[in-house]
Amino acid sequence: MSFEDFARERGLIINNVIHDRWVAVPTEDHPKKRNGRYKLLGDVGWVQNWATMTAPDMWRSEGGVSPTQMRQARQADNTNRLEAERRAISKAGWILHQCQVDYHPYLKAKGFPEEAGNVWATDGARLLVIPMRLKNSLIGAQLIDEQGGKKFLQGQRTKGAAFVIDAGGVPIFCEGYATGLSIRAAMKAMKVRYKIYICFSASNLQEVALGIEGGFVVADKDPHAVGEVAARKTHKPYWVSDTTGEDFNDYHMRVGLYKATSSLKSALFARNASPEPE
């Protein structure tokens, strides 16, 4: 199988292959974003779709790589990956140190004009910075621009990472930051305590949720059902919109807080996620 076919099977859209470095590309499930990445080193390559994979899959040309070459390529990539992760941790800490707590157009567009966040002013842009932690240790950050474009720090680890909004209650897992804020608003309206894990992608939501006992998933309603499939694989009860293309924030904005709260409450209590009142 060619490298292009290998990448296509995993949902990546590659027009012209670039060699010897990680390249971000669109995917079939998110064609307007760069949710995929690949790296091709001659007869060896790696492919990852952030929405469906927590780690890259390795490709090798048929009959073109010896076991020794394969081992050397894997070792070299692991060394480079670990160094990139260390740089990303350092940069995340530096960025957060530069941030001011302020309002941001993205939060206003998502229905939270009075919500302040970490805002980093850089190169004429104002980026909302969402820290990403693994076992309470900072490992990276998601950067959101004023138009809602999102990216992670180059080389950072994302597997297992989350941003947690903790009110000491039922674990709730979702993908996006704005979705987490809408969940928080609904849980406050219910007067039910929560611990919201913002996981940044469907595949990572599955990763995080499987490592925590109990809880409830709020899934995105993707056109290719990526979010709902991930929710089912957690073996936890879940909520999903009745409208394709919506996450819970979209649903909240469309129907209002009262109806959104009622819908989430029905799913939460009906499926025994053990919510605890305040």
C-alpha atoms as a PDB file:
ATOM      1  CA  MET A   1       0.000   0.000   0.000  1.00  0.00           C
ATOM      2  CA  SER A   2       1.309   3.454  -0.879  1.00  0.00           C
ATOM      3  CA  PHE A   3       1.816   6.070   1.818  1.00  0.00           C
ATOM      4  CA  GLU A   4      -0.926   8.195   0.276  1.00  0.00           C
ATOM      5  CA  ASP A   5      -3.421   5.301   0.429  1.00  0.00           C
ATOM      6  CA  PHE A   6      -2.354   4.539   4.014  1.00  0.00           C
ATOM      7  CA  ALA A   7      -3.040   8.162   4.981  1.00  0.00           C
ATOM      8  CA  ARG A   8      -6.315   8.240   3.045  1.00  0.00           C
ATOM      9  CA  GLU A   9      -7.578   5.166   4.910  1.00  0.00           C
ATOM     10  CA  ARG A  10      -7.172   7.149   8.132  1.00  0.00           C
ATOM     11  CA  GLY A  11      -9.079  10.122   6.762  1.00  0.00           C
ATOM     12  CA  LEU A  12      -6.216  12.488   5.840  1.00  0.00           C
ATOM     13  CA  ILE A  13      -6.485  14.699   2.767  1.00  0.00           C
ATOM     14  CA  ILE A  14      -3.023  15.061   1.196  1.00  0.00           C
ATOM     15  CA  ASN A  15      -2.591  16.860  -2.120  1.00  0.00           C
ATOM     16  CA  ASN A  16       1.207  16.941  -2.386  1.00  0.00           C
ATOM     17  CA  VAL A  17       3.393  14.902  -0.038  1.00  0.00           C
ATOM     18  CA  ILE A  18       6.090  16.875   1.796  1.00  0.00           C
ATOM     19  CA  HIS A  19       9.021  14.849   3.128  1.00  0.00           C
ATOM     20  CA  ASP A  20      11.137  14.867   6.293  1.00  0.00           C
ATOM     21  CA  ARG A  21       8.923  16.848   8.681  1.00  0.00           C
ATOM     22  CA  TRP A  22       5.529  16.765  10.361  1.00  0.00           C
ATOM     23  CA  VAL A  23       2.868  18.340   8.134  1.00  0.00           C
ATOM     24  CA  ALA A  24      -0.645  19.355   9.229  1.00  0.00           C
ATOM     25  CA  VAL A  25      -3.454  18.659   6.732  1.00  0.00           C
ATOM     26  CA  PRO A  26      -7.268  18.586   6.559  1.00  0.00           C
ATOM     27  CA  THR A  27      -9.206  15.393   7.203  1.00  0.00           C
ATOM     28  CA  GLU A  28     -12.391  13.991   5.700  1.00  0.00           C
ATOM     29  CA  ASP A  29     -14.273  14.517   8.977  1.00  0.00           C
ATOM     30  CA  HIS A  30     -12.898  18.087   9.406  1.00  0.00           C
ATOM     31  CA  PRO A  31     -12.119  19.311   5.855  1.00  0.00           C
ATOM     32  CA  LYS A  32     -11.998  23.001   6.879  1.00  0.00           C
ATOM     33  CA  LYS A  33      -9.455  22.416   9.639  1.00  0.00           C
ATOM     34  CA  ARG A  34      -6.000  20.836   9.809  1.00  0.00           C
ATOM     35  CA  ASN A  35      -6.943  17.941  12.062  1.00  0.00           C
ATOM     36  CA  GLY A  36      -4.491  15.491  10.535  1.00  0.00           C
ATOM     37  CA  ARG A  37      -0.728  15.267  10.441  1.00  0.00           C
ATOM     38  CA  TYR A  38       1.868  13.084   8.767  1.00  0.00           C
ATOM     39  CA  LYS A  39       5.612  12.622   8.490  1.00  0.00           C
ATOM     40  CA  LEU A  40       7.342  10.713   5.685  1.00  0.00           C
ATOM     41  CA  LEU A  41      11.011   9.691   5.915  1.00  0.00           C
ATOM     42  CA  GLY A  42      11.752   7.815   2.731  1.00  0.00           C
ATOM     43  CA  ASP A  43      10.436   4.270   3.213  1.00  0.00           C
ATOM     44  CA  VAL A  44       8.951   4.956   6.668  1.00  0.00           C
ATOM     45  CA  GLY A  45       6.124   7.289   7.629  1.00  0.00           C
ATOM     46  CA  TRP A  46       3.637   8.166  10.360  1.00  0.00           C
ATOM     47  CA  VAL A  47       0.017   9.301  10.103  1.00  0.00           C
ATOM     48  CA  GLN A  48      -2.413  10.664  12.693  1.00  0.00           C
ATOM     49  CA  ASN A  49      -6.005  11.924  12.584  1.00  0.00           C
ATOM     50  CA  TRP A  50      -6.461  13.914  15.803  1.00  0.00           C
ATOM     51  CA  ALA A  51     -10.208  13.230  15.911  1.00  0.00           C
ATOM     52  CA  THR A  52      -9.941   9.444  15.770  1.00  0.00           C
ATOM     53  CA  MET A  53      -6.399   8.557  16.890  1.00  0.00           C
ATOM     54  CA  THR A  54      -4.484   9.265  20.090  1.00  0.00           C
ATOM     55  CA  ALA A  55      -1.124   8.310  18.557  1.00  0.00           C
ATOM     56  CA  PRO A  56       0.322   8.056  15.017  1.00  0.00           C
ATOM     57  CA  ASP A  57       0.183   4.846  12.969  1.00  0.00           C
ATOM     58  CA  MET A  58       3.436   3.792  11.292  1.00  0.00           C
ATOM     59  CA  TRP A  59       3.692   3.016   7.561  1.00  0.00           C
ATOM     60  CA  ARG A  60       6.550   1.327   5.758  1.00  0.00           C
ATOM     61  CA  SER A  61       7.016   0.602   2.089  1.00  0.00           C
ATOM     62  CA  GLU A  62       6.565  -3.006   1.081  1.00  0.00           C
ATOM     63  CA  GLY A  63       9.946  -4.749   1.130  1.00  0.00           C
ATOM     64  CA  GLY A  64      11.766  -1.435   1.338  1.00  0.00           C
ATOM     65  CA  VAL A  65      12.854  -1.373   4.977  1.00  0.00           C
ATOM     66  CA  SER A  66      14.899  -3.876   6.946  1.00  0.00           C
ATOM     67  CA  PRO A  67      14.103  -4.572  10.623  1.00  0.00           C
ATOM     68  CA  THR A  68      17.277  -2.692  11.588  1.00  0.00           C
ATOM     69  CA  GLN A  69      16.310   0.343   9.525  1.00  0.00           C
ATOM     70  CA  MET A  70      12.818   0.228  10.986  1.00  0.00           C
ATOM     71  CA  ARG A  71      14.198   0.139  14.540  1.00  0.00           C
ATOM     72  CA  GLN A  72      16.578   3.015  13.818  1.00  0.00           C
ATOM     73  CA  ALA A  73      13.813   5.106  12.279  1.00  0.00           C
ATOM     74  CA  ARG A  74      11.532   4.452  15.249  1.00  0.00           C
ATOM     75  CA  GLN A  75      14.282   5.320  17.751  1.00  0.00           C
ATOM     76  CA  ALA A  76      15.149   8.529  15.904  1.00  0.00           C
ATOM     77  CA  ASP A  77      11.505   9.572  15.767  1.00  0.00           C
ATOM     78  CA  ASN A  78      11.004   8.814  19.471  1.00  0.00           C
ATOM     79  CA  THR A  79      14.036  10.928  20.357  1.00  0.00           C
ATOM     80  CA  ASN A  80      12.772  13.814  18.239  1.00  0.00           C
ATOM     81  CA  ARG A  81       9.267  13.461  19.675  1.00  0.00           C
ATOM     82  CA  LEU A  82      10.452  13.590  23.294  1.00  0.00           C
ATOM     83  CA  GLU A  83      12.590  16.646  22.605  1.00  0.00           C
ATOM     84  CA  ALA A  84       9.644  18.357  20.876  1.00  0.00           C
ATOM     85  CA  GLU A  85       7.417  17.563  23.865  1.00  0.00           C
ATOM     86  CA  ARG A  86       9.962  19.105  26.232  1.00  0.00           C
ATOM     87  CA  ARG A  87      10.113  22.261  24.117  1.00  0.00           C
ATOM     88  CA  ALA A  88       6.300  22.452  24.056  1.00  0.00           C
ATOM     89  CA  ILE A  89       6.089  22.186  27.855  1.00  0.00           C
ATOM     90  CA  SER A  90       8.581  25.022  28.215  1.00  0.00           C
ATOM     91  CA  LYS A  91       6.786  27.166  25.645  1.00  0.00           C
ATOM     92  CA  ALA A  92       3.380  26.551  27.239  1.00  0.00           C
ATOM     93  CA  GLY A  93       4.693  27.783  30.570  1.00  0.00           C
ATOM     94  CA  TRP A  94       6.255  30.829  28.929  1.00  0.00           C
ATOM     95  CA  ILE A  95       3.040  31.694  27.050  1.00  0.00           C
ATOM     96  CA  LEU A  96       0.911  31.427  30.182  1.00  0.00           C
ATOM     97  CA  HIS A  97       3.332  33.727  31.970  1.00  0.00           C
ATOM     98  CA  GLN A  98       2.784  36.307  29.188  1.00  0.00           C
ATOM     99  CA  CYS A  99      -1.029  36.081  29.333  1.00  0.00           C
ATOM    100  CA  GLN A 100      -3.424  38.626  30.755  1.00  0.00           C
ATOM    101  CA  VAL A 101      -6.835  37.608  32.128  1.00  0.00           C
ATOM    102  CA  ASP A 102      -9.222  39.346  29.758  1.00  0.00           C
ATOM    103  CA  TYR A 103     -12.329  39.011  27.611  1.00  0.00           C
ATOM    104  CA  HIS A 104     -12.016  37.491  24.139  1.00  0.00           C
ATOM    105  CA  PRO A 105     -14.122  37.680  20.933  1.00  0.00           C
ATOM    106  CA  TYR A 106     -14.268  33.883  20.670  1.00  0.00           C
ATOM    107  CA  LEU A 107     -15.938  33.613  24.066  1.00  0.00           C
ATOM    108  CA  LYS A 108     -18.377  36.386  23.147  1.00  0.00           C
ATOM    109  CA  ALA A 109     -19.273  34.561  19.921  1.00  0.00           C
ATOM    110  CA  LYS A 110     -19.897  31.396  21.909  1.00  0.00           C
ATOM    111  CA  GLY A 111     -22.352  33.114  24.245  1.00  0.00           C
ATOM    112  CA  PHE A 112     -20.006  34.047  27.102  1.00  0.00           C
ATOM    113  CA  PRO A 113     -19.190  37.769  26.706  1.00  0.00           C
ATOM    114  CA  GLU A 114     -18.509  38.137  30.433  1.00  0.00           C
ATOM    115  CA  GLU A 115     -16.193  35.102  30.634  1.00  0.00           C
ATOM    116  CA  ALA A 116     -12.546  36.084  31.062  1.00  0.00           C
ATOM    117  CA  GLY A 117      -9.708  33.812  30.024  1.00  0.00           C
ATOM    118  CA  ASN A 118      -5.953  33.653  29.486  1.00  0.00           C
ATOM    119  CA  VAL A 119      -5.304  35.979  26.545  1.00  0.00           C
ATOM    120  CA  TRP A 120      -1.894  36.143  24.869  1.00  0.00           C
ATOM    121  CA  ALA A 121      -1.114  39.164  22.682  1.00  0.00           C
ATOM    122  CA  THR A 122       1.414  38.142  20.040  1.00  0.00           C
ATOM    123  CA  ASP A 123       2.278  39.386  16.525  1.00  0.00           C
ATOM    124  CA  GLY A 124      -0.808  41.581  16.403  1.00  0.00           C
ATOM    125  CA  ALA A 125      -3.144  38.747  17.401  1.00  0.00           C
ATOM    126  CA  ARG A 126      -4.968  38.061  20.655  1.00  0.00           C
ATOM    127  CA  LEU A 127      -5.079  34.335  21.334  1.00  0.00           C
ATOM    128  CA  LEU A 128      -7.164  32.600  23.976  1.00  0.00           C
ATOM    129  CA  VAL A 129      -4.885  30.082  25.718  1.00  0.00           C
ATOM    130  CA  ILE A 130      -6.327  26.887  27.215  1.00  0.00           C
ATOM    131  CA  PRO A 131      -3.745  25.037  29.364  1.00  0.00           C
ATOM    132  CA  MET A 132      -3.531  21.287  28.784  1.00  0.00           C
ATOM    133  CA  ARG A 133      -2.500  19.122  31.722  1.00  0.00           C
ATOM    134  CA  LEU A 134      -1.760  15.466  32.312  1.00  0.00           C
ATOM    135  CA  LYS A 135      -1.951  14.343  35.949  1.00  0.00           C
ATOM    136  CA  ASN A 136      -1.829  18.003  37.032  1.00  0.00           C
ATOM    137  CA  SER A 137       1.350  18.677  35.024  1.00  0.00           C
ATOM    138  CA  LEU A 138       1.320  21.215  32.201  1.00  0.00           C
ATOM    139  CA  ILE A 139       2.170  19.565  28.879  1.00  0.00           C
ATOM    140  CA  GLY A 140       0.919  22.086  26.311  1.00  0.00           C
ATOM    141  CA  ALA A 141      -1.849  24.451  25.341  1.00  0.00           C
ATOM    142  CA  GLN A 142      -4.589  25.000  22.819  1.00  0.00           C
ATOM    143  CA  LEU A 143      -4.503  28.422  21.153  1.00  0.00           C
ATOM    144  CA  ILE A 144      -7.784  29.884  19.844  1.00  0.00           C
ATOM    145  CA  ASP A 145      -7.799  32.959  17.631  1.00  0.00           C
ATOM    146  CA  GLU A 146     -10.530  35.590  17.380  1.00  0.00           C
ATOM    147  CA  GLN A 147     -12.204  33.758  14.475  1.00  0.00           C
ATOM    148  CA  GLY A 148     -12.271  30.440  16.362  1.00  0.00           C
ATOM    149  CA  GLY A 149      -9.284  28.825  14.638  1.00  0.00           C
ATOM    150  CA  LYS A 150      -7.584  26.354  16.949  1.00  0.00           C
ATOM    151  CA  LYS A 151      -4.124  24.835  17.134  1.00  0.00           C
ATOM    152  CA  PHE A 152      -1.854  23.062  19.592  1.00  0.00           C
ATOM    153  CA  LEU A 153       1.773  23.923  20.242  1.00  0.00           C
ATOM    154  CA  GLN A 154       4.158  22.335  17.784  1.00  0.00           C
ATOM    155  CA  GLY A 155       5.342  18.931  18.958  1.00  0.00           C
ATOM    156  CA  GLN A 156       3.302  18.835  22.145  1.00  0.00           C
ATOM    157  CA  ARG A 157       1.728  15.706  23.562  1.00  0.00           C
ATOM    158  CA  THR A 158      -2.084  15.628  23.515  1.00  0.00           C
ATOM    159  CA  LYS A 159      -2.838  12.028  24.522  1.00  0.00           C
ATOM    160  CA  GLY A 160      -4.452  11.960  27.944  1.00  0.00           C
ATOM    161  CA  ALA A 161      -4.397  15.763  28.324  1.00  0.00           C
ATOM    162  CA  ALA A 162      -7.361  17.760  29.589  1.00  0.00           C
ATOM    163  CA  PHE A 163      -8.432  21.113  30.983  1.00  0.00           C
ATOM    164  CA  VAL A 164     -10.601  20.541  34.044  1.00  0.00           C
ATOM    165  CA  ILE A 165     -13.358  22.758  35.455  1.00  0.00           C
ATOM    166  CA  ASP A 166     -13.746  21.245  38.905  1.00  0.00           C
ATOM    167  CA  ALA A 167     -16.672  21.831  41.252  1.00  0.00           C
ATOM    168  CA  GLY A 168     -16.191  18.500  43.016  1.00  0.00           C
ATOM    169  CA  GLY A 169     -19.011  16.613  41.352  1.00  0.00           C
ATOM    170  CA  VAL A 170     -19.900  14.106  38.647  1.00  0.00           C
ATOM    171  CA  PRO A 171     -17.223  13.639  35.949  1.00  0.00           C
ATOM    172  CA  ILE A 172     -18.409  14.975  32.579  1.00  0.00           C
ATOM    173  CA  PHE A 173     -16.299  14.560  29.445  1.00  0.00           C
ATOM    174  CA  CYS A 174     -16.477  16.761  26.342  1.00  0.00           C
ATOM    175  CA  GLU A 175     -14.268  17.884  23.475  1.00  0.00           C
ATOM    176  CA  GLY A 176     -14.237  21.678  23.280  1.00  0.00           C
ATOM    177  CA  TYR A 177     -13.730  24.573  25.682  1.00  0.00           C
ATOM    178  CA  ALA A 178     -16.937  26.389  24.681  1.00  0.00           C
ATOM    179  CA  THR A 179     -18.836  23.117  25.092  1.00  0.00           C
ATOM    180  CA  GLY A 180     -17.409  22.841  28.591  1.00  0.00           C
ATOM    181  CA  LEU A 181     -18.596  26.349  29.444  1.00  0.00           C
ATOM    182  CA  SER A 182     -22.122  25.529  28.238  1.00  0.00           C
ATOM    183  CA  ILE A 183     -22.108  22.336  30.308  1.00  0.00           C
ATOM    184  CA  ARG A 184     -21.017  24.348  33.341  1.00  0.00           C
ATOM    185  CA  ALA A 185     -23.876  26.828  32.788  1.00  0.00           C
ATOM    186  CA  ALA A 186     -26.392  23.979  32.544  1.00  0.00           C
ATOM    187  CA  MET A 187     -25.070  22.179  35.621  1.00  0.00           C
ATOM    188  CA  LYS A 188     -25.219  25.405  37.631  1.00  0.00           C
ATOM    189  CA  ALA A 189     -28.806  25.888  36.497  1.00  0.00           C
ATOM    190  CA  MET A 190     -29.559  22.347  37.724  1.00  0.00           C
ATOM    191  CA  LYS A 191     -27.721  23.077  40.983  1.00  0.00           C
ATOM    192  CA  VAL A 192     -25.686  19.898  40.475  1.00  0.00           C
ATOM    193  CA  ARG A 193     -21.949  19.679  41.171  1.00  0.00           C
ATOM    194  CA  TYR A 194     -19.659  18.761  38.297  1.00  0.00           C
ATOM    195  CA  LYS A 195     -16.106  18.035  37.244  1.00  0.00           C
ATOM    196  CA  ILE A 196     -15.828  18.831  33.549  1.00  0.00           C
ATOM    197  CA  TYR A 197     -12.946  17.325  31.547  1.00  0.00           C
ATOM    198  CA  ILE A 198     -12.331  19.250  28.321  1.00  0.00           C
ATOM    199  CA  CYS A 199     -10.439  16.753  26.164  1.00  0.00           C
ATOM    200  CA  PHE A 200      -9.915  18.651  22.857  1.00  0.00           C
ATOM    201  CA  SER A 201     -10.775  15.782  20.465  1.00  0.00           C
ATOM    202  CA  ALA A 202     -13.044  12.754  20.214  1.00  0.00           C
ATOM    203  CA  SER A 203     -10.175  10.259  20.364  1.00  0.00           C
ATOM    204  CA  ASN A 204      -8.671  11.937  23.421  1.00  0.00           C
ATOM    205  CA  LEU A 205     -12.095  12.152  25.083  1.00  0.00           C
ATOM    206  CA  GLN A 206     -12.229   8.369  24.803  1.00  0.00           C
ATOM    207  CA  GLU A 207      -8.699   8.092  26.212  1.00  0.00           C
ATOM    208  CA  VAL A 208      -9.404  10.340  29.204  1.00  0.00           C
ATOM    209  CA  ALA A 209     -12.862   8.945  29.981  1.00  0.00           C
ATOM    210  CA  LEU A 210     -11.695   5.334  29.993  1.00  0.00           C
ATOM    211  CA  GLY A 211      -9.179   6.194  32.705  1.00  0.00           C
ATOM    212  CA  ILE A 212     -11.777   7.614  35.102  1.00  0.00           C
ATOM    213  CA  GLU A 213     -14.510   5.670  36.846  1.00  0.00           C
ATOM    214  CA  GLY A 214     -18.121   6.661  36.250  1.00  0.00           C
ATOM    215  CA  GLY A 215     -19.284   9.883  34.716  1.00  0.00           C
ATOM    216  CA  PHE A 216     -21.091  11.061  31.629  1.00  0.00           C
ATOM    217  CA  VAL A 217     -20.086  12.069  28.085  1.00  0.00           C
ATOM    218  CA  VAL A 218     -21.363  15.065  26.141  1.00  0.00           C
ATOM    219  CA  ALA A 219     -20.559  14.176  22.530  1.00  0.00           C
ATOM    220  CA  ASP A 220     -20.327  16.275  19.375  1.00  0.00           C
ATOM    221  CA  LYS A 221     -22.761  15.371  16.587  1.00  0.00           C
ATOM    222  CA  ASP A 222     -20.210  15.138  13.763  1.00  0.00           C
ATOM    223  CA  PRO A 223     -21.259  14.445  10.149  1.00  0.00           C
ATOM    224  CA  HIS A 224     -19.261  11.193  10.262  1.00  0.00           C
ATOM    225  CA  ALA A 225     -20.441  10.294  13.816  1.00  0.00           C
ATOM    226  CA  VAL A 226     -16.860  10.435  15.129  1.00  0.00           C
ATOM    227  CA  GLY A 227     -17.935  11.988  18.428  1.00  0.00           C
ATOM    228  CA  GLU A 228     -20.789   9.596  19.058  1.00  0.00           C
ATOM    229  CA  VAL A 229     -18.673   6.549  18.216  1.00  0.00           C
ATOM    230  CA  ALA A 230     -16.033   7.719  20.704  1.00  0.00           C
ATOM    231  CA  ALA A 231     -18.743   8.263  23.342  1.00  0.00           C
ATOM    232  CA  ARG A 232     -20.042   4.728  22.883  1.00  0.00           C
ATOM    233  CA  LYS A 233     -16.541   3.300  23.226  1.00  0.00           C
ATOM    234  CA  THR A 234     -16.230   4.857  26.691  1.00  0.00           C
ATOM    235  CA  HIS A 235     -19.110   2.591  27.852  1.00  0.00           C
ATOM    236  CA  LYS A 236     -20.562   5.583  29.689  1.00  0.00           C
ATOM    237  CA  PRO A 237     -23.969   7.213  29.243  1.00  0.00           C
ATOM    238  CA  TYR A 238     -23.883  10.169  26.885  1.00  0.00           C
ATOM    239  CA  TRP A 239     -25.770  13.138  25.469  1.00  0.00           C
ATOM    240  CA  VAL A 240     -25.685  14.098  21.789  1.00  0.00           C
ATOM    241  CA  SER A 241     -27.602  16.734  19.833  1.00  0.00           C
ATOM    242  CA  ASP A 242     -30.463  15.839  17.516  1.00  0.00           C
ATOM    243  CA  THR A 243     -28.892  18.050  14.826  1.00  0.00           C
ATOM    244  CA  THR A 244     -25.851  17.021  12.798  1.00  0.00           C
ATOM    245  CA  GLY A 245     -22.946  19.431  13.075  1.00  0.00           C
ATOM    246  CA  GLU A 246     -23.775  20.583  16.600  1.00  0.00           C
ATOM    247  CA  ASP A 247     -21.923  20.289  19.873  1.00  0.00           C
ATOM    248  CA  PHE A 248     -23.546  21.195  23.200  1.00  0.00           C
ATOM    249  CA  ASN A 249     -22.489  24.831  22.881  1.00  0.00           C
ATOM    250  CA  ASP A 250     -24.129  25.061  19.451  1.00  0.00           C
ATOM    251  CA  TYR A 251     -27.247  23.452  20.904  1.00  0.00           C
ATOM    252  CA  HIS A 252     -27.194  25.850  23.866  1.00  0.00           C
ATOM    253  CA  MET A 253     -26.940  28.841  21.503  1.00  0.00           C
ATOM    254  CA  ARG A 254     -29.762  27.544  19.300  1.00  0.00           C
ATOM    255  CA  VAL A 255     -32.360  26.576  21.915  1.00  0.00           C
ATOM    256  CA  GLY A 256     -31.350  28.695  24.914  1.00  0.00           C
ATOM    257  CA  LEU A 257     -30.117  27.739  28.368  1.00  0.00           C
ATOM    258  CA  TYR A 258     -33.475  26.546  29.725  1.00  0.00           C
ATOM    259  CA  LYS A 259     -34.073  23.959  26.985  1.00  0.00           C
ATOM    260  CA  ALA A 260     -30.403  22.963  26.851  1.00  0.00           C
ATOM    261  CA  THR A 261     -30.385  22.386  30.610  1.00  0.00           C
ATOM    262  CA  SER A 262     -33.597  20.355  30.408  1.00  0.00           C
ATOM    263  CA  SER A 263     -32.191  18.165  27.631  1.00  0.00           C
ATOM    264  CA  LEU A 264     -28.906  17.548  29.446  1.00  0.00           C
ATOM    265  CA  LYS A 265     -30.706  16.927  32.739  1.00  0.00           C
ATOM    266  CA  SER A 266     -32.970  14.310  31.163  1.00  0.00           C
ATOM    267  CA  ALA A 267     -29.999  12.407  29.758  1.00  0.00           C
ATOM    268  CA  LEU A 268     -27.914  12.813  32.895  1.00  0.00           C
ATOM    269  CA  PHE A 269     -30.523  11.561  35.342  1.00  0.00           C
ATOM    270  CA  ALA A 270     -32.115   8.961  33.064  1.00  0.00           C
ATOM    271  CA  ARG A 271     -28.820   7.180  32.456  1.00  0.00           C
ATOM    272  CA  ASN A 272     -27.632   6.956  36.042  1.00  0.00           C
ATOM    273  CA  ALA A 273     -24.472   9.032  35.893  1.00  0.00           C
ATOM    274  CA  SER A 274     -24.762   9.581  39.683  1.00  0.00           C
ATOM    275  CA  PRO A 275     -25.036  13.386  39.765  1.00  0.00           C
ATOM    276  CA  GLU A 276     -24.646  15.006  43.159  1.00  0.00           C
ATOM    277  CA  PRO A 277     -26.729  18.053  44.096  1.00  0.00           C
ATOM    278  CA  GLU A 278     -24.954  21.119  45.480  1.00  0.00           C
END
